[in-house]
Amino acid sequence: MATILVIDDDLDLQQMLKLMLQRGGHKVVTTGEGLDGLTKAKVIKPDLAIVDVMMPGMNGYQVVRKLREDPDTAGTAVLILTARAQPVDRETALAAQADDYMPKPFAPNELLAKVNELLANRSAAQGPAKRTVALLSLRGGVGVTSVAVNLALASQAKGHATCLVDLKPGPGHVALQLRLNVKNTWIDWATGGDTSIDGVVRHLLLHESGLAVLCAPIVPMNLPAADRVTTLMGLLHDKFARVVIDAPSLWTGVTAAAALAADTVWVIMAPEVGSLQSTVGLLRAMKAAKLPDERVELIANQIMPKPGLALPAIEKALGHGFLGKLPYDEAQPAAIGQGAPLMLHQADSPFAAAIKALA
């Protein structure tokens, strides 16, 4: 799944592109203004930007040049859309440093093929992009840790060097679900004297899958200053291709620091009233912390066999769609209790299959 930014002032075309690209498995952010597009691009760091030429204020060529000038967005693949199809128009698009251009009107399958081609070329040229994802919920018992554990294992299985961080003040359950003996913890590192990546590495445990794990303490401890978490996230982001954070279930400075340092925040919720109420509060807290909406995703985790609240009703109430929906899996309770994650021991189970799709 790629993140695609669409910058086009034609709202009908904008909506058509969004629906088409979402059906193609991509996350889509839209805007009708060039300046707003540049602001959004700096926040979400899209894999691809689709930019219309003729827009009020800043035209598409100017937008592309600005994207290329900013180190945060210089590597973004860019597809220019134009109503003109002369050779000079293609030359102008390429001169502005767009990767390719497509004249309008176009067939949806043609555009989707071009998008996939550009994304494949970008991946081949740059290798896998580094990603840090923080998983959290303000309601306990909705499966945040089991989702984090299986997501990290899926990422490692795909060949990405992955670190799983149990950011709880204690007791954390990541080590329990992976059958690891806790020796050193992230709080030991945060309260110690060595703040280098070498110091972090000395506190990691290596799971048999190759997954690196930074554990939480077994006995609850006082949380360190939030800036230590910011430093930790930066070090791990530089060291690993993927970082998965199992964040605390309280909105503290530590939780906020982890969320702000992450590329994406997954809010895990069960389809029930208590979880919905907690999610409303969490979304408000993240907004107050100035966490961009574009970096927040909702994940529905069906933890009970009986269906709860209807997901479309939840989406409507929250004003936010679900990135993924994890099905109830009767094998999950035993897997958690035995320290045998489904991703490793029952990879074809419904839950594991859904996690692999998200990973």
Protein backbone atom coordinates (compact mmCIF):
# COMPACT_ATOMS: atom_id res chain seq x y z
CA MET A 1 0.00 0.00 0.00
CA ALA A 2 1.39 3.35 -1.07
CA THR A 3 0.44 6.82 0.12
CA ILE A 4 -0.66 8.98 -2.81
CA LEU A 5 -1.31 12.72 -2.74
CA VAL A 6 -3.75 14.07 -5.35
CA ILE A 7 -3.54 17.83 -6.05
CA ASP A 8 -6.34 18.85 -8.42
CA ASP A 9 -8.95 21.61 -8.20
CA ASP A 10 -11.51 19.56 -10.17
CA LEU A 11 -13.48 18.03 -7.28
CA ASP A 12 -15.21 15.44 -9.47
CA LEU A 13 -11.91 14.21 -10.88
CA GLN A 14 -10.37 14.37 -7.41
CA GLN A 15 -13.08 12.08 -6.03
CA MET A 16 -12.84 9.70 -8.99
CA LEU A 17 -9.09 9.39 -8.52
CA LYS A 18 -9.49 8.81 -4.80
CA LEU A 19 -11.99 5.98 -5.22
CA MET A 20 -10.00 4.36 -8.02
CA LEU A 21 -6.70 4.47 -6.14
CA GLN A 22 -8.27 3.23 -2.91
CA ARG A 23 -9.68 0.26 -4.79
CA GLY A 24 -6.14 -0.33 -6.00
CA GLY A 25 -5.07 -0.72 -2.36
CA HIS A 26 -3.56 2.73 -1.79
CA LYS A 27 -4.05 5.38 0.86
CA VAL A 28 -5.13 8.65 -0.77
CA VAL A 29 -4.97 12.25 0.49
CA THR A 30 -6.54 14.98 -1.65
CA THR A 31 -6.45 18.75 -1.96
CA GLY A 32 -7.47 21.32 -4.54
CA GLU A 33 -4.71 23.87 -3.94
CA GLY A 34 -1.01 23.80 -4.70
CA LEU A 35 0.13 25.46 -1.47
CA ASP A 36 -2.01 23.16 0.65
CA GLY A 37 -0.64 20.24 -1.33
CA LEU A 38 2.92 21.23 -0.45
CA THR A 39 1.97 21.47 3.23
CA LYS A 40 0.32 18.04 3.18
CA ALA A 41 3.27 16.53 1.29
CA LYS A 42 5.70 17.67 3.98
CA VAL A 43 3.56 15.99 6.64
CA ILE A 44 2.62 12.69 5.00
CA LYS A 45 5.70 12.26 2.76
CA PRO A 46 3.73 10.57 -0.04
CA ASP A 47 5.16 7.86 -2.25
CA LEU A 48 3.51 9.51 -5.26
CA ALA A 49 1.95 12.89 -6.03
CA ILE A 50 -0.57 13.27 -8.86
CA VAL A 51 -0.58 16.96 -9.80
CA ASP A 52 -2.87 18.81 -12.20
CA VAL A 53 -1.26 21.57 -14.28
CA MET A 54 -4.02 24.18 -14.39
CA MET A 55 -4.90 25.28 -10.86
CA PRO A 56 -5.60 28.70 -9.35
CA GLY A 57 -2.71 30.36 -7.57
CA MET A 58 0.22 27.97 -7.94
CA ASN A 59 0.18 25.83 -11.09
CA GLY A 60 1.25 22.20 -11.25
CA TYR A 61 4.72 22.86 -12.62
CA GLN A 62 5.45 25.24 -9.73
CA VAL A 63 4.21 22.63 -7.26
CA VAL A 64 6.54 20.00 -8.71
CA ARG A 65 9.55 22.31 -8.51
CA LYS A 66 8.77 23.08 -4.86
CA LEU A 67 8.46 19.37 -4.10
CA ARG A 68 11.88 18.76 -5.62
CA GLU A 69 13.46 21.64 -3.67
CA ASP A 70 12.34 20.29 -0.28
CA PRO A 71 14.58 17.47 1.05
CA ASP A 72 11.53 15.89 2.74
CA THR A 73 9.68 15.47 -0.57
CA ALA A 74 12.45 15.48 -3.17
CA GLY A 75 12.21 11.71 -3.64
CA THR A 76 8.44 11.66 -4.18
CA ALA A 77 7.39 10.25 -7.55
CA VAL A 78 5.31 12.81 -9.48
CA LEU A 79 2.73 12.29 -12.23
CA ILE A 80 1.51 15.42 -14.02
CA LEU A 81 -2.05 15.57 -15.38
CA THR A 82 -2.66 17.96 -18.26
CA ALA A 83 -5.47 18.70 -20.71
CA ARG A 84 -2.87 19.17 -23.44
CA ALA A 85 -1.14 16.30 -25.21
CA GLN A 86 1.46 17.92 -27.45
CA PRO A 87 5.13 16.83 -27.30
CA VAL A 88 6.03 20.23 -25.86
CA ASP A 89 3.71 19.57 -22.90
CA ARG A 90 5.51 16.35 -22.04
CA GLU A 91 8.85 18.16 -22.34
CA THR A 92 7.61 20.92 -20.02
CA ALA A 93 6.46 18.37 -17.44
CA LEU A 94 9.79 16.56 -17.48
CA ALA A 95 11.68 19.86 -17.36
CA ALA A 96 9.80 20.65 -14.14
CA GLN A 97 11.24 17.33 -12.84
CA ALA A 98 8.02 15.33 -12.96
CA ASP A 99 8.58 11.60 -13.47
CA ASP A 100 5.88 11.31 -16.12
CA TYR A 101 2.76 12.98 -17.46
CA MET A 102 -0.67 11.85 -18.62
CA PRO A 103 -3.04 13.81 -20.88
CA LYS A 104 -6.73 14.11 -20.00
CA PRO A 105 -9.11 12.46 -20.56
CA PHE A 106 -7.71 9.05 -19.66
CA ALA A 107 -9.08 5.60 -18.93
CA PRO A 108 -8.98 4.63 -15.23
CA ASN A 109 -7.05 1.43 -15.94
CA GLU A 110 -4.44 3.42 -17.87
CA LEU A 111 -3.88 5.76 -14.95
CA LEU A 112 -3.73 2.93 -12.42
CA ALA A 113 -1.17 1.11 -14.58
CA LYS A 114 0.93 4.29 -14.79
CA VAL A 115 0.68 4.80 -11.02
CA ASN A 116 1.82 1.24 -10.30
CA GLU A 117 4.68 1.60 -12.78
CA LEU A 118 5.92 4.80 -11.11
CA LEU A 119 5.64 3.26 -7.65
CA ALA A 120 7.56 0.17 -8.75
CA ASN A 121 10.30 2.32 -10.27
CA ARG A 122 10.52 4.39 -7.10
CA SER A 123 10.78 1.28 -4.92
CA ALA A 124 13.50 -0.19 -7.11
CA ALA A 125 15.50 3.04 -7.04
CA GLN A 126 15.18 3.83 -3.33
CA GLY A 127 14.72 0.46 -1.68
CA PRO A 128 12.16 0.02 1.10
CA ALA A 129 11.25 3.26 2.85
CA LYS A 130 11.82 3.41 6.59
CA ARG A 131 8.60 3.39 8.58
CA THR A 132 7.73 3.81 12.25
CA VAL A 133 4.19 2.91 13.29
CA ALA A 134 2.80 3.49 16.79
CA LEU A 135 -0.15 1.37 17.92
CA LEU A 136 -2.32 2.62 20.75
CA SER A 137 -5.69 2.72 22.41
CA LEU A 138 -6.92 4.36 25.58
CA ARG A 139 -9.05 1.30 26.31
CA GLY A 140 -7.34 -1.83 27.56
CA GLY A 141 -8.24 -5.27 26.31
CA VAL A 142 -8.72 -4.40 22.64
CA GLY A 143 -5.68 -6.37 21.45
CA VAL A 144 -3.09 -3.65 20.86
CA THR A 145 -0.18 -5.82 21.96
CA SER A 146 -1.21 -8.88 19.93
CA VAL A 147 -1.66 -6.70 16.83
CA ALA A 148 1.75 -5.09 17.42
CA VAL A 149 3.48 -8.45 17.92
CA ASN A 150 1.99 -10.02 14.80
CA LEU A 151 2.53 -6.89 12.70
CA ALA A 152 6.21 -6.78 13.67
CA LEU A 153 6.63 -10.49 12.87
CA ALA A 154 4.94 -9.99 9.49
CA SER A 155 7.26 -7.10 8.72
CA GLN A 156 10.33 -9.13 9.69
CA ALA A 157 9.11 -12.05 7.56
CA LYS A 158 8.92 -9.72 4.55
CA GLY A 159 12.66 -9.12 4.89
CA HIS A 160 12.52 -5.74 6.65
CA ALA A 161 14.85 -5.34 9.63
CA THR A 162 12.24 -4.68 12.30
CA CYS A 163 12.31 -3.59 15.94
CA LEU A 164 9.30 -4.04 18.23
CA VAL A 165 9.19 -1.64 21.18
CA ASP A 166 7.03 -2.29 24.25
CA LEU A 167 6.75 1.28 25.52
CA LYS A 168 4.69 0.43 28.58
CA PRO A 169 5.95 1.58 32.00
CA GLY A 170 5.28 -1.99 33.11
CA PRO A 171 4.18 -4.65 33.17
CA GLY A 172 4.48 -5.11 29.43
CA HIS A 173 3.18 -8.19 27.62
CA VAL A 174 5.21 -8.22 24.40
CA ALA A 175 7.87 -10.45 25.98
CA LEU A 176 5.15 -12.77 27.31
CA GLN A 177 3.56 -13.20 23.87
CA LEU A 178 6.98 -13.94 22.35
CA ARG A 179 8.21 -16.13 25.24
CA LEU A 180 11.20 -13.92 25.91
CA ASN A 181 12.93 -13.54 29.28
CA VAL A 182 13.14 -9.85 30.11
CA LYS A 183 16.66 -8.74 30.99
CA ASN A 184 17.02 -5.12 30.00
CA THR A 185 14.19 -2.70 29.29
CA TRP A 186 13.66 0.56 27.45
CA ILE A 187 13.41 2.38 30.79
CA ASP A 188 16.82 1.01 31.77
CA TRP A 189 18.20 2.63 28.63
CA ALA A 190 16.28 5.88 29.17
CA THR A 191 17.54 6.28 32.73
CA GLY A 192 21.10 5.16 31.97
CA GLY A 193 24.03 7.21 30.79
CA ASP A 194 24.55 5.86 27.26
CA THR A 195 22.11 7.55 24.89
CA SER A 196 23.75 6.25 21.70
CA ILE A 197 22.34 3.63 19.35
CA ASP A 198 24.99 1.24 20.68
CA GLY A 199 23.46 1.70 24.10
CA VAL A 200 20.02 0.87 22.71
CA VAL A 201 21.32 -2.23 20.92
CA ARG A 202 22.73 -3.56 24.20
CA HIS A 203 19.20 -3.47 25.64
CA LEU A 204 17.58 -5.37 22.75
CA LEU A 205 16.54 -9.01 22.77
CA LEU A 206 16.63 -11.04 19.57
CA HIS A 207 13.65 -13.29 18.89
CA GLU A 208 14.14 -16.56 17.00
CA SER A 209 12.39 -14.98 13.99
CA GLY A 210 15.14 -12.34 13.74
CA LEU A 211 12.87 -9.66 15.23
CA ALA A 212 14.62 -7.21 17.58
CA VAL A 213 12.62 -6.47 20.73
CA LEU A 214 12.97 -3.67 23.26
CA CYS A 215 11.01 -4.82 26.29
CA ALA A 216 9.02 -3.07 28.97
CA PRO A 217 9.77 -3.77 32.64
CA ILE A 218 7.91 -6.53 34.46
CA VAL A 219 7.47 -4.34 37.54
CA PRO A 220 5.86 -0.92 36.95
CA MET A 221 8.36 1.94 36.94
CA ASN A 222 8.16 5.72 36.73
CA LEU A 223 8.17 7.02 33.17
CA PRO A 224 11.22 9.02 32.08
CA ALA A 225 11.02 12.42 30.42
CA ALA A 226 9.25 12.49 27.06
CA ASP A 227 12.33 13.81 25.27
CA ARG A 228 14.07 10.48 25.97
CA VAL A 229 11.36 8.77 23.94
CA THR A 230 11.84 11.23 21.09
CA THR A 231 15.57 10.44 21.11
CA LEU A 232 14.91 6.70 21.26
CA MET A 233 12.50 6.80 18.32
CA GLY A 234 15.01 8.73 16.23
CA LEU A 235 17.80 6.24 16.95
CA LEU A 236 15.63 3.23 16.14
CA HIS A 237 14.29 4.84 12.96
CA ASP A 238 17.85 5.27 11.71
CA LYS A 239 18.87 1.73 12.69
CA PHE A 240 15.89 -0.31 11.46
CA ALA A 241 13.79 -0.37 8.31
CA ARG A 242 10.63 -0.82 10.38
CA VAL A 243 9.83 0.14 13.98
CA VAL A 244 6.59 -1.01 15.62
CA ILE A 245 5.65 0.66 18.91
CA ASP A 246 3.24 -0.86 21.43
CA ALA A 247 2.36 2.43 23.14
CA PRO A 248 0.95 2.93 26.67
CA SER A 249 -2.82 3.00 27.11
CA LEU A 250 -2.66 6.35 28.91
CA TRP A 251 -2.20 9.67 27.11
CA THR A 252 1.00 10.84 28.78
CA GLY A 253 3.98 12.83 27.56
CA VAL A 254 5.65 9.53 26.63
CA THR A 255 2.66 8.39 24.56
CA ALA A 256 2.41 11.77 22.84
CA ALA A 257 6.15 11.76 22.07
CA ALA A 258 5.90 8.29 20.50
CA ALA A 259 2.89 9.30 18.41
CA LEU A 260 4.53 12.50 17.19
CA ALA A 261 7.74 10.64 16.29
CA ALA A 262 5.91 7.95 14.31
CA ASP A 263 5.25 8.11 10.58
CA THR A 264 1.83 6.58 11.20
CA VAL A 265 -0.34 6.08 14.28
CA TRP A 266 -2.70 3.11 14.32
CA VAL A 267 -5.59 3.58 16.72
CA ILE A 268 -6.81 0.09 17.61
CA MET A 269 -10.44 -0.23 18.62
CA ALA A 270 -13.02 -2.92 19.16
CA PRO A 271 -16.56 -2.41 17.80
CA GLU A 272 -18.13 -1.66 21.18
CA VAL A 273 -19.33 1.45 23.02
CA GLY A 274 -16.49 1.74 25.54
CA SER A 275 -13.85 1.50 22.84
CA LEU A 276 -15.70 4.03 20.70
CA GLN A 277 -15.82 6.49 23.60
CA SER A 278 -12.10 6.03 24.31
CA THR A 279 -11.27 6.50 20.64
CA VAL A 280 -13.18 9.79 20.52
CA GLY A 281 -11.10 11.01 23.46
CA LEU A 282 -7.85 9.79 21.93
CA LEU A 283 -8.51 11.48 18.60
CA ARG A 284 -9.19 14.74 20.44
CA ALA A 285 -5.99 14.39 22.47
CA MET A 286 -3.92 13.79 19.35
CA LYS A 287 -5.50 16.77 17.63
CA ALA A 288 -4.65 18.95 20.66
CA ALA A 289 -1.06 17.67 20.43
CA LYS A 290 -1.03 18.88 16.79
CA LEU A 291 -0.61 15.40 15.36
CA PRO A 292 -1.65 15.72 11.68
CA ASP A 293 -4.88 13.88 10.84
CA GLU A 294 -3.19 12.41 7.76
CA ARG A 295 -0.90 10.32 9.98
CA VAL A 296 -3.72 8.72 11.99
CA GLU A 297 -5.37 5.46 10.92
CA LEU A 298 -8.12 3.41 12.54
CA ILE A 299 -7.92 -0.37 12.84
CA ALA A 300 -10.99 -2.38 13.88
CA ASN A 301 -10.12 -5.48 15.89
CA GLN A 302 -12.98 -7.95 16.37
CA ILE A 303 -11.94 -9.42 19.72
CA MET A 304 -15.25 -11.17 20.46
CA PRO A 305 -17.06 -13.83 18.40
CA LYS A 306 -20.31 -11.86 18.36
CA PRO A 307 -20.43 -8.79 16.12
CA GLY A 308 -20.65 -5.48 17.94
CA LEU A 309 -21.37 -2.01 16.64
CA ALA A 310 -21.67 -1.73 12.86
CA LEU A 311 -18.38 -0.48 11.43
CA PRO A 312 -20.01 1.97 8.97
CA ALA A 313 -21.82 3.56 11.94
CA ILE A 314 -18.51 3.89 13.81
CA GLU A 315 -16.86 5.46 10.77
CA LYS A 316 -19.70 7.95 10.48
CA ALA A 317 -19.56 8.82 14.19
CA LEU A 318 -15.80 9.36 14.11
CA GLY A 319 -15.66 11.00 10.69
CA HIS A 320 -12.80 8.65 9.88
CA GLY A 321 -12.67 5.43 7.85
CA PHE A 322 -10.93 2.21 8.87
CA LEU A 323 -7.59 1.36 7.28
CA GLY A 324 -8.06 -2.28 8.17
CA LYS A 325 -10.47 -4.70 9.83
CA LEU A 326 -9.08 -7.66 11.77
CA PRO A 327 -11.50 -10.59 12.08
CA TYR A 328 -12.23 -12.59 15.21
CA ASP A 329 -10.01 -15.66 15.28
CA GLU A 330 -10.85 -18.45 17.71
CA ALA A 331 -7.19 -19.51 17.75
CA GLN A 332 -6.04 -16.14 19.08
CA PRO A 333 -6.62 -16.62 22.86
CA ALA A 334 -4.61 -19.85 22.93
CA ALA A 335 -1.87 -18.30 20.80
CA ILE A 336 -1.50 -15.42 23.26
CA GLY A 337 -1.53 -17.71 26.29
CA GLN A 338 1.04 -20.09 24.82
CA GLY A 339 3.39 -17.40 23.52
CA ALA A 340 2.86 -18.71 19.99
CA PRO A 341 1.83 -15.79 17.74
CA LEU A 342 -0.46 -16.75 14.87
CA MET A 343 1.87 -15.07 12.38
CA LEU A 344 4.51 -17.70 13.19
CA HIS A 345 2.49 -20.79 13.99
CA GLN A 346 -0.78 -20.41 12.05
CA ALA A 347 0.13 -18.03 9.26
CA ASP A 348 -2.93 -19.02 7.21
CA SER A 349 -5.39 -18.13 9.97
CA PRO A 350 -7.88 -15.29 9.28
CA PHE A 351 -6.21 -12.94 11.76
CA ALA A 352 -2.69 -13.57 10.43
CA ALA A 353 -3.85 -13.15 6.84
CA ALA A 354 -5.39 -9.77 7.69
CA ILE A 355 -2.20 -8.67 9.45
CA LYS A 356 -0.09 -9.68 6.45
CA ALA A 357 -2.29 -7.59 4.20
CA LEU A 358 -1.74 -4.56 6.44
CA ALA A 359 2.00 -5.16 6.76
